[in-house]
Amino acid sequence: MLKTFNAILKNNSIQWVDETPEIELDSSIKVHITLLEEIAAPQQKSNSQKMAEALKKISKKNILTEIDPQKWQQEIRQDRSLPNRD
């Protein structure tokens, strides 16, 4: 039975998109590859790139300068009662 997997061929290497087939690392298997003709779309930025850009914007606005780090840490690390200890 033939199974179909979505992948991207980049620099002569296959990058699996959704499901990755279970293939033993040292084995060889026959494959049929169909190249799908698509209009080249601009590459979407990865989430890590978007996150880095967002953090740069935040750092440029200096929104955290009003927060005293020592006071903030004391508020976050308030003592709490331990369970079963009266």
N, C-alpha and C. Protein backbone atom coordinates (compact mmCIF):
# COMPACT_ATOMS: atom_id res chain seq x y z
N MET A 1 0.84 -1.18 0.00
CA MET A 1 0.00 0.00 0.00
C MET A 1 0.88 1.24 0.00
N LEU A 2 0.57 2.19 -0.86
CA LEU A 2 1.34 3.43 -0.93
C LEU A 2 0.84 4.42 0.10
N LYS A 3 1.76 5.08 0.76
CA LYS A 3 1.41 6.13 1.71
C LYS A 3 1.98 7.44 1.20
N THR A 4 1.26 8.52 1.45
CA THR A 4 1.69 9.83 1.00
C THR A 4 2.05 10.69 2.20
N PHE A 5 3.19 11.35 2.13
CA PHE A 5 3.65 12.23 3.20
C PHE A 5 3.97 13.59 2.59
N ASN A 6 3.65 14.64 3.30
CA ASN A 6 3.98 15.99 2.84
C ASN A 6 5.41 16.33 3.25
N ALA A 7 6.15 16.88 2.32
CA ALA A 7 7.54 17.23 2.60
C ALA A 7 7.96 18.38 1.70
N ILE A 8 9.07 18.98 2.06
CA ILE A 8 9.67 20.04 1.25
C ILE A 8 11.07 19.57 0.87
N LEU A 9 11.38 19.69 -0.40
CA LEU A 9 12.72 19.34 -0.88
C LEU A 9 13.53 20.62 -0.90
N LYS A 10 14.54 20.70 -0.05
CA LYS A 10 15.36 21.90 0.06
C LYS A 10 16.83 21.50 0.11
N ASN A 11 17.62 22.09 -0.76
CA ASN A 11 19.06 21.78 -0.84
C ASN A 11 19.30 20.27 -0.96
N ASN A 12 18.46 19.63 -1.75
CA ASN A 12 18.56 18.20 -2.03
C ASN A 12 18.33 17.34 -0.79
N SER A 13 17.64 17.88 0.21
CA SER A 13 17.27 17.13 1.41
C SER A 13 15.77 17.24 1.61
N ILE A 14 15.18 16.20 2.16
CA ILE A 14 13.74 16.21 2.41
C ILE A 14 13.47 16.66 3.84
N GLN A 15 12.59 17.66 3.97
CA GLN A 15 12.15 18.13 5.29
C GLN A 15 10.68 17.77 5.42
N TRP A 16 10.34 16.90 6.36
CA TRP A 16 8.95 16.46 6.54
C TRP A 16 8.12 17.59 7.10
N VAL A 17 6.91 17.76 6.58
CA VAL A 17 6.04 18.86 6.99
C VAL A 17 5.12 18.42 8.12
N ASP A 18 4.35 17.38 7.91
CA ASP A 18 3.37 16.95 8.90
C ASP A 18 3.85 15.69 9.61
N GLU A 19 3.46 14.59 9.08
CA GLU A 19 3.79 13.30 9.66
C GLU A 19 5.13 12.82 9.12
N THR A 20 5.94 12.24 9.98
CA THR A 20 7.23 11.70 9.56
C THR A 20 7.11 10.19 9.45
N PRO A 21 7.48 9.61 8.31
CA PRO A 21 7.37 8.16 8.18
C PRO A 21 8.36 7.45 9.09
N GLU A 22 7.95 6.27 9.54
CA GLU A 22 8.84 5.48 10.39
C GLU A 22 9.78 4.67 9.48
N ILE A 23 11.01 5.09 9.43
CA ILE A 23 12.02 4.44 8.59
C ILE A 23 13.25 4.20 9.45
N GLU A 24 13.78 2.98 9.37
CA GLU A 24 15.00 2.69 10.10
C GLU A 24 16.14 3.52 9.51
N LEU A 25 17.00 4.04 10.36
CA LEU A 25 18.04 4.96 9.92
C LEU A 25 18.99 4.36 8.89
N ASP A 26 19.33 3.09 9.03
CA ASP A 26 20.30 2.48 8.13
C ASP A 26 19.67 1.81 6.92
N SER A 27 18.35 1.91 6.77
CA SER A 27 17.69 1.22 5.67
C SER A 27 17.51 2.14 4.47
N SER A 28 17.28 1.52 3.33
CA SER A 28 17.00 2.26 2.10
C SER A 28 15.63 1.81 1.60
N ILE A 29 14.82 2.76 1.14
CA ILE A 29 13.51 2.42 0.60
C ILE A 29 13.32 3.15 -0.73
N LYS A 30 12.49 2.56 -1.59
CA LYS A 30 12.17 3.20 -2.85
C LYS A 30 11.09 4.25 -2.61
N VAL A 31 11.20 5.37 -3.30
CA VAL A 31 10.20 6.43 -3.17
C VAL A 31 9.86 6.96 -4.56
N HIS A 32 8.66 7.50 -4.70
CA HIS A 32 8.25 8.25 -5.89
C HIS A 32 8.04 9.67 -5.41
N ILE A 33 8.73 10.61 -6.02
CA ILE A 33 8.60 12.01 -5.61
C ILE A 33 7.93 12.78 -6.74
N THR A 34 6.85 13.47 -6.40
CA THR A 34 6.14 14.32 -7.35
C THR A 34 6.39 15.75 -6.96
N LEU A 35 6.99 16.52 -7.86
CA LEU A 35 7.25 17.92 -7.58
C LEU A 35 5.99 18.73 -7.88
N LEU A 36 5.51 19.46 -6.89
CA LEU A 36 4.32 20.28 -7.04
C LEU A 36 4.73 21.66 -7.49
N GLU A 37 4.19 22.10 -8.60
CA GLU A 37 4.50 23.43 -9.13
C GLU A 37 3.70 24.45 -8.34
N GLU A 38 4.37 25.34 -7.67
CA GLU A 38 3.71 26.38 -6.91
C GLU A 38 4.40 27.70 -7.18
N ILE A 39 3.63 28.76 -7.07
CA ILE A 39 4.22 30.09 -7.17
C ILE A 39 5.01 30.32 -5.89
N ALA A 40 6.23 30.75 -6.04
CA ALA A 40 7.08 30.97 -4.86
C ALA A 40 6.46 32.04 -3.98
N ALA A 41 6.05 31.63 -2.79
CA ALA A 41 5.50 32.58 -1.82
C ALA A 41 6.63 33.06 -0.93
N PRO A 42 6.56 34.29 -0.45
CA PRO A 42 7.61 34.75 0.46
C PRO A 42 7.64 33.87 1.71
N GLN A 43 8.83 33.56 2.16
CA GLN A 43 8.96 32.70 3.33
C GLN A 43 8.38 33.38 4.55
N GLN A 44 7.59 32.61 5.29
CA GLN A 44 7.01 33.15 6.51
C GLN A 44 8.07 33.09 7.61
N LYS A 45 8.04 34.09 8.45
CA LYS A 45 9.00 34.12 9.55
C LYS A 45 8.61 33.07 10.58
N SER A 46 9.60 32.46 11.16
CA SER A 46 9.32 31.48 12.20
C SER A 46 8.87 32.20 13.47
N ASN A 47 8.26 31.43 14.36
CA ASN A 47 7.79 32.02 15.61
C ASN A 47 8.93 32.61 16.42
N SER A 48 10.10 31.99 16.37
CA SER A 48 11.22 32.51 17.15
C SER A 48 11.69 33.86 16.61
N GLN A 49 11.63 34.03 15.29
CA GLN A 49 12.00 35.32 14.71
C GLN A 49 10.99 36.39 15.10
N LYS A 50 9.70 36.04 15.09
CA LYS A 50 8.66 36.99 15.48
C LYS A 50 8.83 37.37 16.95
N MET A 51 9.14 36.38 17.79
CA MET A 51 9.33 36.62 19.22
C MET A 51 10.52 37.55 19.44
N ALA A 52 11.61 37.32 18.73
CA ALA A 52 12.80 38.16 18.88
C ALA A 52 12.49 39.60 18.49
N GLU A 53 11.74 39.78 17.41
CA GLU A 53 11.39 41.13 16.99
C GLU A 53 10.49 41.82 18.02
N ALA A 54 9.54 41.08 18.58
CA ALA A 54 8.65 41.65 19.60
C ALA A 54 9.44 42.06 20.83
N LEU A 55 10.39 41.23 21.25
CA LEU A 55 11.20 41.56 22.43
C LEU A 55 12.09 42.77 22.17
N LYS A 56 12.59 42.92 20.95
CA LYS A 56 13.39 44.10 20.62
C LYS A 56 12.55 45.37 20.72
N LYS A 57 11.30 45.30 20.23
CA LYS A 57 10.41 46.46 20.30
C LYS A 57 10.13 46.83 21.76
N ILE A 58 9.90 45.81 22.59
CA ILE A 58 9.63 46.07 24.01
C ILE A 58 10.85 46.70 24.67
N SER A 59 12.04 46.19 24.36
CA SER A 59 13.25 46.72 25.00
C SER A 59 13.51 48.16 24.58
N LYS A 60 13.15 48.52 23.35
CA LYS A 60 13.36 49.90 22.89
C LYS A 60 12.43 50.88 23.60
N LYS A 61 11.26 50.39 24.04
CA LYS A 61 10.30 51.27 24.71
C LYS A 61 10.63 51.48 26.18
N ASN A 62 11.56 50.71 26.73
CA ASN A 62 11.96 50.82 28.14
C ASN A 62 10.77 50.79 29.09
N ILE A 63 9.84 49.88 28.85
CA ILE A 63 8.64 49.84 29.69
C ILE A 63 8.90 49.24 31.07
N LEU A 64 10.00 48.56 31.23
CA LEU A 64 10.29 47.92 32.52
C LEU A 64 11.17 48.78 33.43
N THR A 65 11.51 49.99 33.01
CA THR A 65 12.39 50.83 33.82
C THR A 65 11.70 51.32 35.09
N GLU A 66 10.37 51.35 35.10
CA GLU A 66 9.64 51.82 36.27
C GLU A 66 9.56 50.75 37.36
N ILE A 67 9.89 49.53 37.04
CA ILE A 67 9.79 48.43 38.00
C ILE A 67 11.12 48.26 38.72
N ASP A 68 11.04 48.26 40.06
CA ASP A 68 12.23 48.02 40.88
C ASP A 68 12.43 46.51 40.96
N PRO A 69 13.51 45.97 40.40
CA PRO A 69 13.68 44.52 40.35
C PRO A 69 13.74 43.87 41.73
N GLN A 70 14.34 44.54 42.69
CA GLN A 70 14.44 43.96 44.03
C GLN A 70 13.06 43.88 44.68
N LYS A 71 12.28 44.93 44.56
CA LYS A 71 10.94 44.94 45.13
C LYS A 71 10.06 43.90 44.43
N TRP A 72 10.19 43.80 43.10
CA TRP A 72 9.42 42.83 42.34
C TRP A 72 9.72 41.41 42.80
N GLN A 73 11.02 41.11 43.00
CA GLN A 73 11.41 39.77 43.42
C GLN A 73 10.87 39.46 44.81
N GLN A 74 10.89 40.44 45.72
CA GLN A 74 10.35 40.22 47.06
C GLN A 74 8.85 39.94 47.01
N GLU A 75 8.13 40.63 46.14
CA GLU A 75 6.70 40.40 46.02
C GLU A 75 6.41 39.01 45.45
N ILE A 76 7.20 38.60 44.48
CA ILE A 76 6.99 37.29 43.85
C ILE A 76 7.33 36.16 44.80
N ARG A 77 8.36 36.33 45.61
CA ARG A 77 8.85 35.25 46.48
C ARG A 77 8.34 35.39 47.90
N GLN A 78 7.11 35.82 48.07
CA GLN A 78 6.55 35.96 49.42
C GLN A 78 6.53 34.60 50.11
N ASP A 79 6.76 34.65 51.41
CA ASP A 79 6.71 33.40 52.17
C ASP A 79 5.28 32.88 52.18
N ARG A 80 5.16 31.58 52.13
CA ARG A 80 3.84 30.95 52.20
C ARG A 80 3.92 29.83 53.22
N SER A 81 2.78 29.50 53.78
CA SER A 81 2.78 28.42 54.77
C SER A 81 2.93 27.09 54.04
N LEU A 82 3.71 26.22 54.66
CA LEU A 82 3.94 24.91 54.07
C LEU A 82 2.83 23.96 54.48
N PRO A 83 2.43 23.05 53.62
CA PRO A 83 1.36 22.11 53.97
C PRO A 83 1.76 21.20 55.13
N ASN A 84 0.79 20.92 56.00
CA ASN A 84 0.97 20.03 57.16
C ASN A 84 2.03 20.53 58.14
N ARG A 85 2.24 21.85 58.19
CA ARG A 85 3.19 22.43 59.14
C ARG A 85 2.51 23.59 59.84
N ASP A 86 2.16 23.38 61.07
CA ASP A 86 1.47 24.45 61.82
C ASP A 86 2.40 25.26 62.65
